[in-house]
Amino acid sequence: SKIGLDISYYDFLSRFPSAVSLTTFLIGMIKAPVFAMIIASVGCFHGFRVSGSSESIGSQTTRSVVMSIFMLIIADAAFSVLLS
C-alpha cells in the first residue's frame, strides 16, 4: 500500500481493523495454508506421474492446474458451509 497507493503505514494499520474484521482475517489465515497444501499435493501427485517425454510434462501440468482449481472450488465451498 505504501508503494502502490502512497498510503502511510500508520494510516494502513489504523484503518485495517475497520475494513477487515478479526473473524474474516482469521478465516483467511486458516484457508491459505489449506489451499496451499491442496495445490502442492495435486502438483506433486501429477508430477510423479510424468514419464520421460515433454508431451507428458505438458499433459500432467495441464491436468494439475485443472484439478487444483477444481479442488480449491470444492474446498472453498466446504469452508463456506462449515463457517456460515
C-alpha atoms as a PDB file:
ATOM      1  CA  SER A   1       0.000   0.000   0.000  1.00  0.00           C
ATOM      2  CA  LYS A   2       2.935   2.328   0.667  1.00  0.00           C
ATOM      3  CA  ILE A   3       4.464   1.891  -2.781  1.00  0.00           C
ATOM      4  CA  GLY A   4       1.383   1.316  -4.897  1.00  0.00           C
ATOM      5  CA  LEU A   5      -1.115   3.668  -3.278  1.00  0.00           C
ATOM      6  CA  ASP A   6       1.118   6.036  -1.299  1.00  0.00           C
ATOM      7  CA  ILE A   7      -0.692   5.245   1.955  1.00  0.00           C
ATOM      8  CA  SER A   8       1.425   5.544   5.068  1.00  0.00           C
ATOM      9  CA  TYR A   9       1.972   2.547   7.326  1.00  0.00           C
ATOM     10  CA  TYR A  10       0.212   4.294  10.172  1.00  0.00           C
ATOM     11  CA  ASP A  11      -2.896   5.027   8.095  1.00  0.00           C
ATOM     12  CA  PHE A  12      -2.990   1.475   6.782  1.00  0.00           C
ATOM     13  CA  LEU A  13      -2.677  -0.118  10.221  1.00  0.00           C
ATOM     14  CA  SER A  14      -5.156   2.271  11.846  1.00  0.00           C
ATOM     15  CA  ARG A  15      -7.830   1.651   9.179  1.00  0.00           C
ATOM     16  CA  PHE A  16      -7.253  -2.085   8.733  1.00  0.00           C
ATOM     17  CA  PRO A  17      -9.421  -3.211  11.711  1.00  0.00           C
ATOM     18  CA  SER A  18     -12.411  -1.206  10.475  1.00  0.00           C
ATOM     19  CA  ALA A  19     -12.119  -2.646   6.945  1.00  0.00           C
ATOM     20  CA  VAL A  20     -11.396  -6.286   7.860  1.00  0.00           C
ATOM     21  CA  SER A  21     -12.996  -7.944  10.868  1.00  0.00           C
ATOM     22  CA  LEU A  22     -10.973 -10.257  13.075  1.00  0.00           C
ATOM     23  CA  THR A  23     -13.150 -13.226  12.087  1.00  0.00           C
ATOM     24  CA  THR A  24     -12.574 -12.611   8.378  1.00  0.00           C
ATOM     25  CA  PHE A  25      -8.835 -12.262   8.957  1.00  0.00           C
ATOM     26  CA  LEU A  26      -8.616 -15.494  10.963  1.00  0.00           C
ATOM     27  CA  ILE A  27     -10.651 -17.440   8.394  1.00  0.00           C
ATOM     28  CA  GLY A  28      -8.260 -16.214   5.716  1.00  0.00           C
ATOM     29  CA  MET A  29      -5.280 -17.283   7.804  1.00  0.00           C
ATOM     30  CA  ILE A  30      -6.778 -20.776   8.125  1.00  0.00           C
ATOM     31  CA  LYS A  31      -7.826 -21.118   4.489  1.00  0.00           C
ATOM     32  CA  ALA A  32      -4.497 -20.017   2.987  1.00  0.00           C
ATOM     33  CA  PRO A  33      -2.372 -22.935   4.284  1.00  0.00           C
ATOM     34  CA  VAL A  34      -5.151 -25.420   3.477  1.00  0.00           C
ATOM     35  CA  PHE A  35      -5.325 -24.147  -0.093  1.00  0.00           C
ATOM     36  CA  ALA A  36      -1.522 -24.205  -0.333  1.00  0.00           C
ATOM     37  CA  MET A  37      -1.459 -27.845   0.779  1.00  0.00           C
ATOM     38  CA  ILE A  38      -4.104 -28.734  -1.798  1.00  0.00           C
ATOM     39  CA  ILE A  39      -2.156 -27.077  -4.612  1.00  0.00           C
ATOM     40  CA  ALA A  40       1.140 -28.650  -3.522  1.00  0.00           C
ATOM     41  CA  SER A  41      -0.394 -32.112  -3.116  1.00  0.00           C
ATOM     42  CA  VAL A  42      -2.059 -32.066  -6.522  1.00  0.00           C
ATOM     43  CA  GLY A  43       1.111 -30.722  -8.143  1.00  0.00           C
ATOM     44  CA  CYS A  44       3.262 -33.421  -6.545  1.00  0.00           C
ATOM     45  CA  PHE A  45       0.754 -36.145  -7.430  1.00  0.00           C
ATOM     46  CA  HIS A  46       0.766 -35.198 -11.098  1.00  0.00           C
ATOM     47  CA  GLY A  47       4.493 -34.525 -11.075  1.00  0.00           C
ATOM     48  CA  PHE A  48       5.178 -38.115 -10.030  1.00  0.00           C
ATOM     49  CA  ARG A  49       3.014 -39.344 -12.916  1.00  0.00           C
ATOM     50  CA  VAL A  50       5.210 -37.678 -15.570  1.00  0.00           C
ATOM     51  CA  SER A  51       7.005 -40.045 -17.927  1.00  0.00           C
ATOM     52  CA  GLY A  52      10.083 -39.229 -19.972  1.00  0.00           C
ATOM     53  CA  SER A  53       8.606 -37.046 -22.735  1.00  0.00           C
ATOM     54  CA  SER A  54       7.893 -33.335 -22.913  1.00  0.00           C
ATOM     55  CA  GLU A  55       4.355 -34.157 -24.050  1.00  0.00           C
ATOM     56  CA  SER A  56       3.809 -35.953 -20.740  1.00  0.00           C
ATOM     57  CA  ILE A  57       5.078 -32.928 -18.824  1.00  0.00           C
ATOM     58  CA  GLY A  58       2.663 -30.626 -20.638  1.00  0.00           C
ATOM     59  CA  SER A  59      -0.250 -33.016 -20.201  1.00  0.00           C
ATOM     60  CA  GLN A  60       0.356 -33.559 -16.483  1.00  0.00           C
ATOM     61  CA  THR A  61       0.871 -29.826 -15.915  1.00  0.00           C
ATOM     62  CA  THR A  62      -2.470 -29.084 -17.553  1.00  0.00           C
ATOM     63  CA  ARG A  63      -4.174 -31.811 -15.528  1.00  0.00           C
ATOM     64  CA  SER A  64      -2.540 -30.496 -12.361  1.00  0.00           C
ATOM     65  CA  VAL A  65      -3.783 -26.950 -12.925  1.00  0.00           C
ATOM     66  CA  VAL A  66      -7.315 -28.067 -13.757  1.00  0.00           C
ATOM     67  CA  MET A  67      -7.516 -30.441 -10.796  1.00  0.00           C
ATOM     68  CA  SER A  68      -6.071 -27.814  -8.429  1.00  0.00           C
ATOM     69  CA  ILE A  69      -8.681 -25.268  -9.462  1.00  0.00           C
ATOM     70  CA  PHE A  70     -11.449 -27.849  -9.098  1.00  0.00           C
ATOM     71  CA  MET A  71     -10.220 -28.946  -5.669  1.00  0.00           C
ATOM     72  CA  LEU A  72      -9.929 -25.322  -4.500  1.00  0.00           C
ATOM     73  CA  ILE A  73     -13.522 -24.658  -5.531  1.00  0.00           C
ATOM     74  CA  ILE A  74     -14.645 -27.744  -3.592  1.00  0.00           C
ATOM     75  CA  ALA A  75     -12.576 -26.740  -0.532  1.00  0.00           C
ATOM     76  CA  ASP A  76     -13.869 -23.166  -0.624  1.00  0.00           C
ATOM     77  CA  ALA A  77     -17.448 -24.447  -0.816  1.00  0.00           C
ATOM     78  CA  ALA A  78     -16.762 -26.727   2.159  1.00  0.00           C
ATOM     79  CA  PHE A  79     -15.347 -23.801   4.143  1.00  0.00           C
ATOM     80  CA  SER A  80     -18.410 -21.730   3.251  1.00  0.00           C
ATOM     81  CA  VAL A  81     -20.761 -24.435   4.502  1.00  0.00           C
ATOM     82  CA  LEU A  82     -18.772 -25.079   7.667  1.00  0.00           C
ATOM     83  CA  LEU A  83     -18.215 -21.460   8.623  1.00  0.00           C
ATOM     84  CA  SER A  84     -21.615 -19.977   7.827  1.00  0.00           C
END
